[in-house]
Protein backbone atom coordinates (compact mmCIF):
# COMPACT_ATOMS: atom_id res chain seq x y z
CA MET A 1 37.23 -22.70 -129.50
CA ARG A 2 40.99 -22.52 -128.94
CA GLU A 3 42.53 -26.16 -128.39
CA ALA A 4 44.58 -25.91 -125.35
CA ARG A 5 45.82 -28.01 -122.52
CA PHE A 6 46.79 -27.09 -119.14
CA VAL A 7 49.69 -29.14 -117.99
CA VAL A 8 50.76 -28.30 -114.57
CA THR A 9 53.78 -29.82 -112.58
CA VAL A 10 53.50 -28.82 -108.96
CA ILE A 11 56.50 -28.31 -107.00
CA GLY A 12 56.20 -29.13 -103.19
CA ALA A 13 55.26 -26.45 -100.66
CA TRP A 14 57.75 -23.62 -101.06
CA CYS A 15 58.16 -20.73 -98.52
CA LEU A 16 58.60 -17.29 -100.21
CA LEU A 17 59.94 -16.08 -96.96
CA GLY A 18 62.75 -17.55 -94.62
CA GLY A 19 61.98 -20.04 -91.87
CA CYS A 20 60.21 -22.63 -94.06
CA ALA A 21 61.89 -26.06 -93.85
CA GLY A 22 61.56 -28.88 -96.27
CA SER A 23 59.19 -29.85 -99.00
CA HIS A 24 56.16 -32.05 -99.84
CA PRO A 25 57.82 -34.96 -101.49
CA GLU A 26 54.20 -36.34 -102.61
CA ALA A 27 53.45 -32.92 -104.09
CA ALA A 28 56.94 -32.69 -105.83
CA HIS A 29 55.89 -35.33 -108.42
CA ALA A 30 52.17 -34.48 -108.65
CA THR A 31 50.94 -33.68 -112.16
CA SER A 32 47.60 -32.71 -113.33
CA GLU A 33 46.73 -32.55 -116.82
CA VAL A 34 43.21 -31.42 -117.90
CA ALA A 35 41.66 -30.50 -121.19
CA ALA A 36 40.31 -26.90 -121.73
CA SER A 37 37.44 -28.40 -123.59
CA ALA A 38 36.00 -29.31 -120.07
CA ALA A 39 35.42 -25.77 -119.42
CA ILE A 40 32.33 -23.65 -120.05
CA ALA A 41 33.34 -21.56 -123.07
CA VAL A 42 32.03 -18.02 -123.21
CA PRO A 43 30.34 -17.62 -126.67
CA LEU A 44 31.45 -14.68 -128.87
CA ALA A 45 27.89 -13.27 -128.48
CA PRO A 46 26.53 -14.38 -125.15
CA VAL A 47 22.92 -13.66 -124.16
CA VAL A 48 22.58 -10.01 -122.69
CA LYS A 49 20.33 -9.06 -119.93
CA ASP A 50 21.37 -6.00 -118.18
CA LEU A 51 20.49 -5.66 -114.58
CA PRO A 52 19.83 -2.12 -112.77
CA ARG A 53 22.85 -0.56 -111.01
CA VAL A 54 23.43 2.52 -109.18
CA ARG A 55 26.61 4.39 -108.18
CA ILE A 56 27.04 4.31 -104.34
CA VAL A 57 30.43 6.15 -104.08
CA SER A 58 32.47 8.35 -106.46
CA GLY A 59 35.62 10.10 -106.45
CA LEU A 60 37.91 7.22 -105.19
CA ALA A 61 41.53 6.90 -106.19
CA ASN A 62 41.63 3.50 -107.57
CA PRO A 63 39.13 1.42 -105.28
CA ARG A 64 39.85 -2.28 -105.02
CA GLY A 65 38.73 -4.59 -102.27
CA MET A 66 35.25 -4.17 -100.58
CA HIS A 67 33.50 -5.66 -97.57
CA LEU A 68 30.09 -4.91 -96.36
CA TYR A 69 29.23 -4.88 -92.60
CA ALA A 70 25.88 -5.85 -91.18
CA ASP A 71 25.09 -2.48 -90.33
CA GLY A 72 25.42 -1.49 -94.07
CA SER A 73 28.75 0.46 -93.65
CA MET A 74 31.43 -0.57 -96.22
CA LEU A 75 35.06 -1.18 -95.76
CA VAL A 76 37.08 -0.15 -98.99
CA SER A 77 40.81 -0.31 -99.90
CA VAL A 78 41.98 2.42 -102.16
CA ALA A 79 45.14 1.87 -104.14
CA GLY A 80 45.83 5.65 -104.71
CA THR A 81 46.76 7.84 -107.56
CA GLY A 82 50.33 6.26 -108.52
CA ASP A 83 51.79 9.59 -108.72
CA PRO A 84 55.59 9.46 -108.17
CA ALA A 85 55.49 13.02 -106.70
CA ASN A 86 53.09 11.80 -104.00
CA PRO A 87 53.90 8.19 -103.49
CA ASN A 88 51.84 7.60 -100.47
CA THR A 89 48.09 7.98 -101.51
CA GLY A 90 46.67 4.65 -100.70
CA ALA A 91 44.21 4.23 -98.05
CA LEU A 92 41.62 1.83 -96.24
CA LEU A 93 38.40 3.73 -95.87
CA HIS A 94 35.22 3.07 -93.82
CA LEU A 95 31.96 4.28 -95.47
CA VAL A 96 29.00 5.12 -93.53
CA ASP A 97 25.64 6.29 -95.08
CA ASN A 98 24.64 8.61 -92.26
CA ASP A 99 21.63 10.31 -94.06
CA HIS A 100 20.48 6.96 -95.37
CA ASP A 101 20.25 8.30 -98.85
CA GLY A 102 21.73 5.04 -100.42
CA ASP A 103 25.16 6.34 -101.03
CA PHE A 104 28.26 7.46 -99.36
CA ASP A 105 29.02 10.70 -101.18
CA ASP A 106 27.77 13.03 -98.50
CA GLU A 107 30.09 15.06 -96.17
CA GLY A 108 31.38 12.95 -93.32
CA GLU A 109 30.52 9.60 -94.69
CA ARG A 110 33.99 8.51 -95.45
CA VAL A 111 36.53 7.93 -92.54
CA THR A 112 39.97 6.88 -93.20
CA LEU A 113 41.27 4.01 -91.09
CA LEU A 114 44.74 3.91 -92.46
CA GLY A 115 46.05 6.50 -94.79
CA ASP A 116 49.54 7.53 -96.39
CA GLN A 117 50.03 4.02 -97.93
CA PRO A 118 52.26 3.53 -101.01
CA SER A 119 50.83 3.72 -104.51
CA LYS A 120 52.65 3.02 -107.78
CA ASN A 121 51.80 3.43 -111.35
CA LEU A 122 53.36 0.65 -113.60
CA LEU A 123 53.30 2.39 -116.95
CA ASP A 124 57.06 2.36 -117.09
CA ILE A 125 57.00 -1.35 -116.93
CA VAL A 126 53.87 -2.39 -118.56
CA ARG A 127 53.20 0.62 -120.67
CA ARG A 128 49.78 0.78 -119.45
CA ASP A 129 48.03 3.11 -116.92
CA GLU A 130 47.89 0.55 -114.23
CA VAL A 131 48.04 1.24 -110.45
CA PHE A 132 49.20 -1.09 -107.64
CA GLY A 133 48.86 -0.53 -103.82
CA MET A 134 45.99 -1.54 -101.63
CA ALA A 135 44.53 -4.55 -102.90
CA GLY A 136 41.88 -7.35 -102.20
CA MET A 137 40.05 -8.20 -98.97
CA ASP A 138 38.07 -11.10 -97.58
CA GLU A 139 36.36 -11.82 -94.04
CA GLY A 140 37.39 -14.60 -91.88
CA GLN A 141 38.43 -15.80 -88.44
CA GLY A 142 36.71 -12.74 -86.86
CA GLY A 143 38.26 -10.05 -89.07
CA VAL A 144 38.96 -8.79 -92.43
CA LEU A 145 42.39 -9.30 -94.14
CA VAL A 146 43.55 -6.60 -96.72
CA GLY A 147 46.47 -6.97 -99.05
CA LEU A 148 48.85 -4.10 -99.86
CA ALA A 149 50.69 -5.29 -102.81
CA PHE A 150 53.31 -4.47 -105.49
CA PHE A 151 54.49 -5.74 -108.76
CA GLY A 152 57.17 -8.36 -107.84
CA GLY A 153 56.38 -7.84 -104.16
CA PRO A 154 56.86 -7.54 -101.16
CA SER A 155 53.25 -7.41 -99.79
CA THR A 156 51.87 -6.54 -96.49
CA ILE A 157 48.90 -8.27 -95.10
CA LEU A 158 46.61 -6.06 -92.83
CA ARG A 159 43.98 -7.29 -90.44
CA VAL A 160 40.86 -5.00 -89.64
CA ALA A 161 38.90 -6.14 -86.35
CA ASP A 162 36.60 -3.72 -84.66
CA LEU A 163 37.77 -1.07 -87.30
CA LYS A 164 41.16 -1.32 -85.79
CA VAL A 165 43.97 -2.02 -88.28
CA SER A 166 47.11 -3.96 -87.59
CA THR A 167 49.78 -5.98 -89.63
CA TRP A 168 49.06 -9.56 -89.73
CA ALA A 169 51.74 -11.00 -92.08
CA THR A 170 54.28 -10.15 -94.75
CA ALA A 171 55.19 -11.83 -97.95
CA HIS A 172 57.93 -11.61 -100.52
CA ALA A 173 55.61 -11.61 -103.40
CA ASN A 174 52.71 -9.52 -104.69
CA ILE A 175 49.65 -10.89 -103.11
CA ASN A 176 46.98 -9.14 -105.40
CA ASP A 177 44.20 -10.83 -103.91
CA ILE A 178 43.33 -12.91 -100.68
CA ALA A 179 40.45 -15.36 -99.83
CA PHE A 180 39.51 -17.15 -96.49
CA ASP A 181 38.57 -20.83 -96.94
CA PRO A 182 36.05 -21.59 -94.27
CA GLU A 183 36.20 -25.42 -94.94
CA ARG A 184 40.12 -25.50 -94.26
CA ASN A 185 40.04 -22.63 -91.95
CA ALA A 186 42.88 -21.02 -93.92
CA TRP A 187 43.74 -18.23 -96.01
CA PHE A 188 44.90 -18.34 -99.66
CA GLY A 189 46.35 -15.61 -101.99
CA VAL A 190 47.42 -15.05 -105.64
CA ALA A 191 50.83 -13.84 -106.40
CA SER A 192 50.30 -12.50 -110.03
CA THR A 193 53.97 -11.83 -110.97
CA THR A 194 55.09 -15.37 -109.97
CA ASP A 195 52.08 -16.98 -111.33
CA GLU A 196 51.08 -18.93 -107.99
CA VAL A 197 48.55 -19.66 -105.60
CA VAL A 198 49.95 -19.53 -102.10
CA LYS A 199 48.71 -20.43 -98.57
CA ILE A 200 49.23 -17.39 -96.15
CA ASN A 201 50.08 -18.18 -92.58
CA GLN A 202 49.99 -15.52 -89.89
CA ASP A 203 53.70 -16.32 -88.88
CA ALA A 204 54.75 -15.05 -92.12
CA ARG A 205 55.40 -18.39 -93.71
CA ILE A 206 54.12 -18.31 -97.22
CA GLU A 207 53.64 -21.72 -98.79
CA ARG A 208 53.30 -22.25 -102.55
CA VAL A 209 50.16 -24.23 -103.45
CA VAL A 210 50.47 -24.35 -107.14
CA LYS A 211 52.46 -22.54 -109.70
CA PHE A 212 50.83 -22.26 -113.02
CA PRO A 213 52.64 -22.93 -116.53
CA PRO A 214 52.61 -20.60 -119.56
CA LEU A 215 49.34 -20.56 -121.49
CA ALA A 216 48.86 -22.16 -125.06
CA SER A 217 49.84 -18.70 -126.59
CA GLY A 218 53.02 -18.68 -124.46
CA GLN A 219 51.91 -15.81 -122.28
CA ASP A 220 52.17 -15.84 -118.54
CA PRO A 221 48.69 -16.97 -116.90
CA VAL A 222 48.78 -14.20 -114.32
CA PRO A 223 46.62 -15.47 -111.60
CA ALA A 224 44.57 -12.32 -110.53
CA TYR A 225 41.85 -12.96 -107.96
CA LEU A 226 40.64 -15.93 -106.16
CA THR A 227 37.69 -16.96 -104.08
CA HIS A 228 36.35 -20.16 -102.24
CA ASP A 229 33.79 -22.03 -104.19
CA PRO A 230 31.30 -23.06 -101.86
CA LEU A 231 29.90 -25.42 -104.66
CA THR A 232 32.92 -27.93 -104.79
CA GLY A 233 35.07 -26.51 -101.55
CA GLU A 234 37.93 -25.79 -103.80
CA LEU A 235 39.62 -22.43 -104.71
CA LEU A 236 38.35 -20.65 -108.02
CA VAL A 237 41.01 -18.50 -109.61
CA SER A 238 41.00 -16.20 -112.48
CA LEU A 239 43.87 -16.23 -114.89
CA PHE A 240 44.05 -12.73 -116.19
CA SER A 241 46.48 -13.76 -119.14
CA GLY A 242 49.51 -11.71 -119.92
CA SER A 243 51.40 -10.61 -123.01
CA PRO A 244 53.19 -13.12 -124.89
CA GLU A 245 56.13 -10.68 -124.96
CA GLY A 246 56.35 -10.68 -121.37
CA GLU A 247 55.35 -7.75 -118.91
CA GLU A 248 58.62 -5.74 -120.05
CA GLY A 249 58.36 -6.59 -123.65
CA GLY A 250 56.37 -5.47 -126.74
CA GLU A 251 54.30 -2.16 -126.70
CA GLY A 252 51.92 -3.37 -123.83
CA VAL A 253 49.00 -4.20 -125.99
CA GLU A 254 49.83 -7.64 -127.02
CA ILE A 255 47.40 -9.59 -124.57
CA VAL A 256 45.75 -12.33 -126.34
CA LEU A 257 41.87 -11.84 -126.48
CA ARG A 258 39.92 -14.84 -125.22
CA ALA A 259 42.82 -16.69 -124.06
CA ALA A 260 41.95 -16.30 -120.22
CA SER A 261 40.10 -18.50 -117.96
CA VAL A 262 38.84 -19.28 -114.60
CA VAL A 263 40.04 -22.72 -112.89
CA ARG A 264 39.56 -24.63 -109.64
CA VAL A 265 42.37 -25.45 -107.47
CA ARG A 266 42.25 -28.35 -104.78
CA PRO A 267 45.06 -27.33 -102.36
CA GLU A 268 45.41 -30.91 -100.92
CA THR A 269 46.24 -32.52 -104.44
CA ARG A 270 47.39 -29.34 -106.21
CA ALA A 271 44.84 -30.43 -108.90
CA ILE A 272 43.87 -27.78 -111.46
CA THR A 273 40.52 -27.94 -113.11
CA PRO A 274 39.24 -25.72 -115.80
CA VAL A 275 35.83 -24.10 -115.30
CA VAL A 276 35.40 -21.34 -117.72
CA SER A 277 37.47 -20.48 -120.87
CA GLU A 278 37.47 -18.02 -123.72
CA LEU A 279 37.53 -14.95 -121.43
CA THR A 280 39.25 -11.65 -121.98
CA VAL A 281 41.37 -10.39 -119.15
CA PRO A 282 39.08 -11.50 -116.19
CA THR A 283 39.47 -10.06 -112.98
CA ASP A 284 37.45 -10.65 -109.70
CA LEU A 285 34.86 -13.40 -109.16
CA ALA A 286 32.25 -14.57 -106.84
CA ALA A 287 30.47 -17.76 -106.66
CA THR A 288 27.52 -19.27 -104.85
CA LYS A 289 26.48 -22.62 -103.45
CA GLU A 290 23.79 -23.03 -106.16
CA GLY A 291 26.49 -23.18 -108.83
CA LEU A 292 26.28 -19.58 -110.11
CA LEU A 293 29.55 -17.78 -111.07
CA TYR A 294 29.93 -14.15 -111.49
CA VAL A 295 33.21 -12.99 -113.36
CA LEU A 296 34.31 -9.57 -114.34
CA GLU A 297 36.19 -8.93 -117.46
CA PHE A 298 38.33 -5.89 -117.38
CA CYS A 299 37.94 -4.56 -121.10
CA ASP A 300 37.50 -5.96 -124.54
CA SER A 301 40.73 -4.84 -126.15
CA PHE A 302 44.05 -3.00 -125.81
CA VAL A 303 44.69 0.29 -127.53
CA GLU A 304 46.94 3.36 -127.09
CA PRO A 305 49.63 2.32 -124.71
CA VAL A 306 51.51 4.92 -122.77
CA LYS A 307 55.19 4.88 -121.65
CA THR A 308 55.38 8.18 -119.72
CA ARG A 309 53.18 10.47 -117.82
CA GLU A 310 53.76 13.22 -120.34
CA ASP A 311 52.06 10.68 -123.02
CA MET A 312 49.02 10.77 -120.67
CA ALA A 313 48.92 14.34 -120.49
CA LYS A 314 48.71 14.96 -124.27
CA GLY A 315 44.95 14.49 -124.48
CA PRO A 316 42.22 11.80 -123.96
CA SER A 317 43.85 8.41 -124.02
CA HIS A 318 42.68 4.85 -123.33
CA GLY A 319 46.08 4.37 -121.77
CA GLY A 320 46.51 0.68 -122.97
CA PHE A 321 43.00 -0.77 -121.96
CA ARG A 322 39.94 0.42 -123.83
CA ARG A 323 38.00 2.26 -121.37
CA TRP A 324 34.19 1.51 -120.65
CA THR A 325 34.17 -1.82 -122.38
CA GLY A 326 34.43 -4.15 -119.15
CA ARG A 327 31.37 -6.44 -118.46
CA LEU A 328 30.15 -8.84 -115.70
CA LEU A 329 29.12 -12.19 -116.58
CA ARG A 330 26.72 -14.68 -114.87
CA ILE A 331 27.56 -18.25 -115.55
CA ASP A 332 25.26 -21.19 -114.58
CA ARG A 333 27.65 -24.26 -114.11
CA SER A 334 24.50 -26.49 -113.96
CA THR A 335 23.19 -25.35 -117.45
CA ARG A 336 26.37 -24.12 -118.67
CA ASP A 337 24.36 -20.93 -119.63
CA VAL A 338 26.39 -17.58 -119.97
CA THR A 339 24.62 -14.32 -119.50
CA VAL A 340 25.96 -10.75 -119.69
CA ILE A 341 24.33 -8.84 -116.83
CA ALA A 342 26.33 -5.54 -116.87
CA ARG A 343 28.10 -3.75 -119.99
CA GLY A 344 30.01 -0.61 -120.21
CA LEU A 345 31.89 -0.93 -117.03
CA ASP A 346 35.16 1.24 -116.72
CA GLU A 347 38.06 -1.25 -116.15
CA PRO A 348 36.31 -2.98 -113.21
CA THR A 349 38.91 -4.62 -110.79
CA ASN A 350 37.05 -5.92 -107.88
CA LEU A 351 33.65 -7.73 -107.08
CA LEU A 352 31.82 -8.28 -103.95
CA LEU A 353 28.70 -10.53 -103.71
CA SER A 354 26.67 -9.56 -100.54
CA GLY A 355 23.01 -10.95 -100.29
CA ASN A 356 21.19 -10.09 -103.42
CA SER A 357 23.67 -7.45 -104.52
CA LEU A 358 26.80 -7.30 -106.35
CA TYR A 359 29.28 -4.32 -105.65
CA ILE A 360 31.73 -3.35 -108.52
CA ALA A 361 34.81 -1.23 -108.13
CA GLN A 362 35.89 0.67 -111.41
CA GLY A 363 38.11 3.32 -112.54
CA MET A 364 41.57 1.80 -112.76
CA GLY A 365 44.31 4.54 -113.62
CA THR A 366 45.57 8.00 -113.03
CA PRO A 367 42.70 9.87 -111.45
CA GLY A 368 41.75 13.15 -113.05
CA ARG A 369 43.48 12.43 -116.44
CA ALA A 370 41.57 12.79 -119.59
CA ILE A 371 40.01 9.60 -121.10
CA PRO A 372 37.43 8.80 -123.70
CA GLY A 373 34.09 8.71 -121.97
CA PRO A 374 31.35 5.91 -122.47
CA ASP A 375 29.91 7.96 -125.47
CA GLY A 376 33.36 8.59 -127.08
CA GLN A 377 33.51 12.15 -125.93
CA PRO A 378 36.32 13.42 -123.53
CA SER A 379 35.83 12.64 -119.96
CA THR A 380 37.89 12.55 -116.79
CA LEU A 381 39.07 9.43 -115.12
CA THR A 382 37.63 8.68 -111.62
CA GLY A 383 37.24 5.73 -109.37
CA PHE A 384 33.76 4.62 -108.15
CA ILE A 385 31.75 1.73 -106.97
CA GLU A 386 28.36 0.55 -108.25
CA ARG A 387 25.77 -1.78 -106.86
CA LEU A 388 23.87 -4.23 -109.04
CA ASP A 389 20.73 -5.62 -107.72
CA LEU A 390 20.16 -9.20 -108.59
């Protein structure tokens, strides 16, 4: 296992937008030092127990956040195509299974609550087929908050209540994911380009909770997703782990394998505690009060970077991330057992735990372009959501 230590010096509460006065002197000197060896290390060859899953919706342009209503309908954010010639393809969709056949692929089962939202492909920055736009969501305080985020910011936080959409807050940062903390009755988010966890207030004052330092290999930690931990009452954050060359350096495929992790953050003390180590580019995660942790890994390696859209049009290409190599881990924090419960996922980004089912949003990248399929044969990139029954 890689020997590493997180040394986190926390600066006092900092507002990313104007109007925030002062800082926390007690937090300005707070330092938390924890050993990575305390984390549960993912084995090189963990136990595999594939659970059945079924595709419930197809043909989406980069599905991201999901919320399941009590009536079985689903709210889904769609980041869009990332096509510069048509830059407003993001949307917020309400899916209804009108014919009760178990999917949302039939005519009339998709209602656009909000359309024409900005969508951007980052390939000219990161040299990978990666689309930003509509992002993560969570439920709390009588509604659902949804992020609309961009590399480097700014972000808009939308609120959905009774299927009506309104603007709730704005932030001068890219809020890739948001989570409601029921114990603190507060909203938190991750800003991946500034490596921060922030508290989000409706009056648009965004307060820094922690800023993560570089990882042992020198790369940015890239906090990607977060969730409230019902077991400890803290926040769980996935550190995606970037390239040691920086987002604008190198060829785009220098991301260090098995250097990423999941950590806990306690907002009051700014303490950071390792939970899971030896991950490769984790994205979303979900936790239970019984101590189970579900973590998505985006892919297993990085190949065939692309610098232009013309590069992607030359033929089937992985586009920086090896397609169909994502997986879903189940981690028992009481026994420290790690089990792979889903393999062959296509660049999974978002995860939703609802009842005894997990919903997995997949298919990051430019819709319609040629990619290697799961069997290695040419295929066409499309976004979709699968349901996995526990």
